[in-house]
């Protein structure tokens, strides 16, 4: 790894964060679902601190990001860190940058006294699955993820 640094995102990083979100959406074949705006990112990351974001830099060039938030486990009675997105640009994959981002979040979870860390991965994304399993992460095979989107919630 060359000169890599993980930094907490700042307001000046909004265009970079949004760009990474779009790149990730294209990779996941979900670009038609992206409706995030600069204003929403500012409101939810910087004003209300609902979500948190760190960026990975190589020689001061942004090459990836991780966006996370805290949830809560009733069973263990502690908060957990939920990794919403982890993305490293294709030219930088396989060089340890994703691991460095993930380990940064593991340390964040430890510092925040989180009881666990969780995330979702698309079933077809074998490179990500292999990466996570190489770090000791376990798939929650007995759990299914359910979602009500905004339209479904309005219907209720």
C-alpha atoms as a PDB file:
ATOM      1  CA  UNK A   1       0.000   0.000   0.000  1.00  0.00           C
ATOM      2  CA  UNK A   2       1.226   3.403  -0.840  1.00  0.00           C
ATOM      3  CA  UNK A   3       0.510   6.454   1.240  1.00  0.00           C
ATOM      4  CA  UNK A   4      -3.035   5.737   2.480  1.00  0.00           C
ATOM      5  CA  UNK A   5      -4.922   7.783   4.988  1.00  0.00           C
ATOM      6  CA  UNK A   6      -8.448   7.395   6.375  1.00  0.00           C
ATOM      7  CA  UNK A   7     -10.111  10.698   7.249  1.00  0.00           C
ATOM      8  CA  UNK A   8     -13.487  11.725   8.568  1.00  0.00           C
ATOM      9  CA  UNK A   9     -15.449  13.391   5.780  1.00  0.00           C
ATOM     10  CA  UNK A  10     -15.973  17.154   5.829  1.00  0.00           C
ATOM     11  CA  UNK A  11     -18.524  19.384   4.117  1.00  0.00           C
ATOM     12  CA  UNK A  12     -15.989  20.000   1.356  1.00  0.00           C
ATOM     13  CA  UNK A  13     -16.087  16.248   0.595  1.00  0.00           C
ATOM     14  CA  UNK A  14     -19.790  16.206  -0.386  1.00  0.00           C
ATOM     15  CA  UNK A  15     -19.093  16.076  -4.162  1.00  0.00           C
ATOM     16  CA  UNK A  16     -16.615  13.238  -3.607  1.00  0.00           C
ATOM     17  CA  UNK A  17     -19.061  11.285  -1.428  1.00  0.00           C
ATOM     18  CA  UNK A  18     -21.845  11.761  -3.962  1.00  0.00           C
ATOM     19  CA  UNK A  19     -19.512  10.675  -6.755  1.00  0.00           C
ATOM     20  CA  UNK A  20     -18.576   7.497  -4.874  1.00  0.00           C
ATOM     21  CA  UNK A  21     -22.261   6.771  -4.212  1.00  0.00           C
ATOM     22  CA  UNK A  22     -22.931   6.992  -7.948  1.00  0.00           C
ATOM     23  CA  UNK A  23     -19.926   4.787  -8.790  1.00  0.00           C
ATOM     24  CA  UNK A  24     -21.114   2.210  -6.258  1.00  0.00           C
ATOM     25  CA  UNK A  25     -24.647   2.331  -7.655  1.00  0.00           C
ATOM     26  CA  UNK A  26     -23.336   1.699 -11.166  1.00  0.00           C
ATOM     27  CA  UNK A  27     -21.246  -1.235  -9.897  1.00  0.00           C
ATOM     28  CA  UNK A  28     -24.296  -2.689  -8.128  1.00  0.00           C
ATOM     29  CA  UNK A  29     -26.510  -2.033 -11.192  1.00  0.00           C
ATOM     30  CA  UNK A  30     -28.737   0.232  -9.065  1.00  0.00           C
ATOM     31  CA  UNK A  31     -27.962   3.662 -10.504  1.00  0.00           C
ATOM     32  CA  UNK A  32     -31.655   4.277 -11.256  1.00  0.00           C
ATOM     33  CA  UNK A  33     -32.383   4.134  -7.511  1.00  0.00           C
ATOM     34  CA  UNK A  34     -30.053   6.968  -6.498  1.00  0.00           C
ATOM     35  CA  UNK A  35     -31.985  10.100  -5.507  1.00  0.00           C
ATOM     36  CA  UNK A  36     -29.579  11.490  -2.889  1.00  0.00           C
ATOM     37  CA  UNK A  37     -28.783  15.195  -3.093  1.00  0.00           C
ATOM     38  CA  UNK A  38     -26.015  17.333  -1.668  1.00  0.00           C
ATOM     39  CA  UNK A  39     -28.587  18.818   0.710  1.00  0.00           C
ATOM     40  CA  UNK A  40     -29.611  15.390   2.031  1.00  0.00           C
ATOM     41  CA  UNK A  41     -25.986  14.402   2.581  1.00  0.00           C
ATOM     42  CA  UNK A  42     -25.286  17.663   4.413  1.00  0.00           C
ATOM     43  CA  UNK A  43     -28.405  17.297   6.551  1.00  0.00           C
ATOM     44  CA  UNK A  44     -27.928  13.644   7.463  1.00  0.00           C
ATOM     45  CA  UNK A  45     -24.150  13.392   7.809  1.00  0.00           C
ATOM     46  CA  UNK A  46     -23.162  16.826   9.076  1.00  0.00           C
ATOM     47  CA  UNK A  47     -26.204  18.557  10.553  1.00  0.00           C
ATOM     48  CA  UNK A  48     -28.114  15.708  12.227  1.00  0.00           C
ATOM     49  CA  UNK A  49     -25.272  13.128  12.363  1.00  0.00           C
ATOM     50  CA  UNK A  50     -27.655  10.315  11.441  1.00  0.00           C
ATOM     51  CA  UNK A  51     -24.902   8.775   9.335  1.00  0.00           C
ATOM     52  CA  UNK A  52     -21.122   9.076   9.386  1.00  0.00           C
ATOM     53  CA  UNK A  53     -18.617   8.920   6.561  1.00  0.00           C
ATOM     54  CA  UNK A  54     -14.889   8.332   6.241  1.00  0.00           C
ATOM     55  CA  UNK A  55     -12.831   8.614   3.088  1.00  0.00           C
ATOM     56  CA  UNK A  56      -9.746   6.694   2.038  1.00  0.00           C
ATOM     57  CA  UNK A  57      -7.003   8.727   0.378  1.00  0.00           C
ATOM     58  CA  UNK A  58      -3.928   7.555  -1.478  1.00  0.00           C
ATOM     59  CA  UNK A  59      -1.360  10.321  -1.699  1.00  0.00           C
ATOM     60  CA  UNK A  60      -4.132  12.814  -0.907  1.00  0.00           C
ATOM     61  CA  UNK A  61      -6.372  11.519  -3.746  1.00  0.00           C
ATOM     62  CA  UNK A  62      -9.752  10.129  -2.586  1.00  0.00           C
ATOM     63  CA  UNK A  63     -10.064   6.487  -3.669  1.00  0.00           C
ATOM     64  CA  UNK A  64     -12.904   5.104  -1.535  1.00  0.00           C
ATOM     65  CA  UNK A  65     -15.348   5.654   1.277  1.00  0.00           C
ATOM     66  CA  UNK A  66     -17.338   3.985   4.008  1.00  0.00           C
ATOM     67  CA  UNK A  67     -20.695   5.256   5.235  1.00  0.00           C
ATOM     68  CA  UNK A  68     -22.111   3.912   8.494  1.00  0.00           C
ATOM     69  CA  UNK A  69     -24.607   4.559  11.263  1.00  0.00           C
ATOM     70  CA  UNK A  70     -25.433   3.160  14.673  1.00  0.00           C
ATOM     71  CA  UNK A  71     -28.261   0.743  15.413  1.00  0.00           C
ATOM     72  CA  UNK A  72     -29.253  -0.982  18.641  1.00  0.00           C
ATOM     73  CA  UNK A  73     -29.511  -4.602  19.708  1.00  0.00           C
ATOM     74  CA  UNK A  74     -32.162  -5.423  22.279  1.00  0.00           C
ATOM     75  CA  UNK A  75     -30.539  -8.816  22.848  1.00  0.00           C
ATOM     76  CA  UNK A  76     -27.114  -7.507  23.800  1.00  0.00           C
ATOM     77  CA  UNK A  77     -28.342  -4.145  25.124  1.00  0.00           C
ATOM     78  CA  UNK A  78     -25.745  -2.121  23.238  1.00  0.00           C
ATOM     79  CA  UNK A  79     -25.459  -0.148  20.076  1.00  0.00           C
ATOM     80  CA  UNK A  80     -23.930  -1.634  16.973  1.00  0.00           C
ATOM     81  CA  UNK A  81     -22.214  -0.169  13.966  1.00  0.00           C
ATOM     82  CA  UNK A  82     -24.028  -0.783  10.686  1.00  0.00           C
ATOM     83  CA  UNK A  83     -21.900  -0.403   7.581  1.00  0.00           C
ATOM     84  CA  UNK A  84     -24.220   0.904   4.883  1.00  0.00           C
ATOM     85  CA  UNK A  85     -21.655   1.212   2.095  1.00  0.00           C
ATOM     86  CA  UNK A  86     -17.988   0.456   1.586  1.00  0.00           C
ATOM     87  CA  UNK A  87     -16.545   1.305  -1.804  1.00  0.00           C
ATOM     88  CA  UNK A  88     -13.066   1.389  -3.285  1.00  0.00           C
ATOM     89  CA  UNK A  89     -12.537   2.496  -6.874  1.00  0.00           C
ATOM     90  CA  UNK A  90     -11.758  -0.417  -9.231  1.00  0.00           C
ATOM     91  CA  UNK A  91      -8.128   0.584  -9.926  1.00  0.00           C
ATOM     92  CA  UNK A  92      -7.377   0.432  -6.189  1.00  0.00           C
ATOM     93  CA  UNK A  93      -9.059  -2.869  -5.333  1.00  0.00           C
ATOM     94  CA  UNK A  94      -6.986  -5.813  -4.180  1.00  0.00           C
ATOM     95  CA  UNK A  95      -4.376  -3.560  -2.599  1.00  0.00           C
ATOM     96  CA  UNK A  96      -5.649  -3.605   0.987  1.00  0.00           C
ATOM     97  CA  UNK A  97      -7.570  -0.324   0.938  1.00  0.00           C
ATOM     98  CA  UNK A  98     -10.952  -1.929   1.604  1.00  0.00           C
ATOM     99  CA  UNK A  99      -9.438  -3.805   4.524  1.00  0.00           C
ATOM    100  CA  UNK A 100      -7.932  -0.597   5.866  1.00  0.00           C
ATOM    101  CA  UNK A 101     -11.362   1.104   5.679  1.00  0.00           C
ATOM    102  CA  UNK A 102     -13.072  -1.838   7.365  1.00  0.00           C
ATOM    103  CA  UNK A 103     -10.450  -2.046  10.115  1.00  0.00           C
ATOM    104  CA  UNK A 104     -10.884   1.683  10.710  1.00  0.00           C
ATOM    105  CA  UNK A 105     -14.596   1.029  11.300  1.00  0.00           C
ATOM    106  CA  UNK A 106     -13.821  -1.935  13.551  1.00  0.00           C
ATOM    107  CA  UNK A 107     -11.692   0.398  15.671  1.00  0.00           C
ATOM    108  CA  UNK A 108     -14.488   2.975  15.634  1.00  0.00           C
ATOM    109  CA  UNK A 109     -16.929   0.301  16.826  1.00  0.00           C
ATOM    110  CA  UNK A 110     -14.535  -0.694  19.616  1.00  0.00           C
ATOM    111  CA  UNK A 111     -14.034   2.930  20.665  1.00  0.00           C
ATOM    112  CA  UNK A 112     -17.820   3.436  20.729  1.00  0.00           C
ATOM    113  CA  UNK A 113     -18.334   0.236  22.798  1.00  0.00           C
ATOM    114  CA  UNK A 114     -20.455  -1.364  20.079  1.00  0.00           C
ATOM    115  CA  UNK A 115     -21.581  -4.921  20.677  1.00  0.00           C
ATOM    116  CA  UNK A 116     -21.309  -5.848  17.016  1.00  0.00           C
ATOM    117  CA  UNK A 117     -20.856  -4.669  13.469  1.00  0.00           C
ATOM    118  CA  UNK A 118     -23.127  -5.656  10.591  1.00  0.00           C
ATOM    119  CA  UNK A 119     -23.683  -5.007   6.901  1.00  0.00           C
ATOM    120  CA  UNK A 120     -25.429  -6.465   3.875  1.00  0.00           C
ATOM    121  CA  UNK A 121     -23.899  -7.663   0.639  1.00  0.00           C
ATOM    122  CA  UNK A 122     -25.556  -8.531  -2.653  1.00  0.00           C
ATOM    123  CA  UNK A 123     -25.687 -12.289  -3.227  1.00  0.00           C
ATOM    124  CA  UNK A 124     -23.966 -11.993  -6.617  1.00  0.00           C
ATOM    125  CA  UNK A 125     -21.037  -9.911  -5.282  1.00  0.00           C
ATOM    126  CA  UNK A 126     -18.637 -12.806  -4.747  1.00  0.00           C
ATOM    127  CA  UNK A 127     -15.510 -10.627  -4.519  1.00  0.00           C
ATOM    128  CA  UNK A 128     -17.056  -8.734  -1.578  1.00  0.00           C
ATOM    129  CA  UNK A 129     -18.287 -11.961   0.042  1.00  0.00           C
ATOM    130  CA  UNK A 130     -14.818 -13.502  -0.261  1.00  0.00           C
ATOM    131  CA  UNK A 131     -13.247 -10.341   1.180  1.00  0.00           C
ATOM    132  CA  UNK A 132     -15.581 -10.227   4.185  1.00  0.00           C
ATOM    133  CA  UNK A 133     -15.211 -13.938   4.905  1.00  0.00           C
ATOM    134  CA  UNK A 134     -11.406 -13.648   4.695  1.00  0.00           C
ATOM    135  CA  UNK A 135     -11.663 -11.237   7.633  1.00  0.00           C
ATOM    136  CA  UNK A 136     -13.721 -13.656   9.721  1.00  0.00           C
ATOM    137  CA  UNK A 137     -17.177 -12.197   9.028  1.00  0.00           C
ATOM    138  CA  UNK A 138     -20.026 -14.710   8.985  1.00  0.00           C
ATOM    139  CA  UNK A 139     -23.098 -14.618   6.755  1.00  0.00           C
ATOM    140  CA  UNK A 140     -26.358 -14.539   8.693  1.00  0.00           C
ATOM    141  CA  UNK A 141     -27.879 -17.364   6.640  1.00  0.00           C
ATOM    142  CA  UNK A 142     -30.955 -17.748   8.846  1.00  0.00           C
ATOM    143  CA  UNK A 143     -31.988 -14.074   8.480  1.00  0.00           C
ATOM    144  CA  UNK A 144     -33.735 -12.402   5.550  1.00  0.00           C
ATOM    145  CA  UNK A 145     -33.657  -8.668   4.968  1.00  0.00           C
ATOM    146  CA  UNK A 146     -37.050  -7.038   4.482  1.00  0.00           C
ATOM    147  CA  UNK A 147     -37.738  -3.507   3.326  1.00  0.00           C
ATOM    148  CA  UNK A 148     -40.672  -1.174   3.022  1.00  0.00           C
ATOM    149  CA  UNK A 149     -39.820   1.540   0.530  1.00  0.00           C
ATOM    150  CA  UNK A 150     -41.377   4.983   0.657  1.00  0.00           C
ATOM    151  CA  UNK A 151     -44.217   4.003  -1.683  1.00  0.00           C
ATOM    152  CA  UNK A 152     -45.060   0.945   0.426  1.00  0.00           C
ATOM    153  CA  UNK A 153     -45.028   2.987   3.626  1.00  0.00           C
ATOM    154  CA  UNK A 154     -47.368   5.540   2.069  1.00  0.00           C
ATOM    155  CA  UNK A 155     -49.752   2.748   1.111  1.00  0.00           C
ATOM    156  CA  UNK A 156     -49.926   1.644   4.746  1.00  0.00           C
END
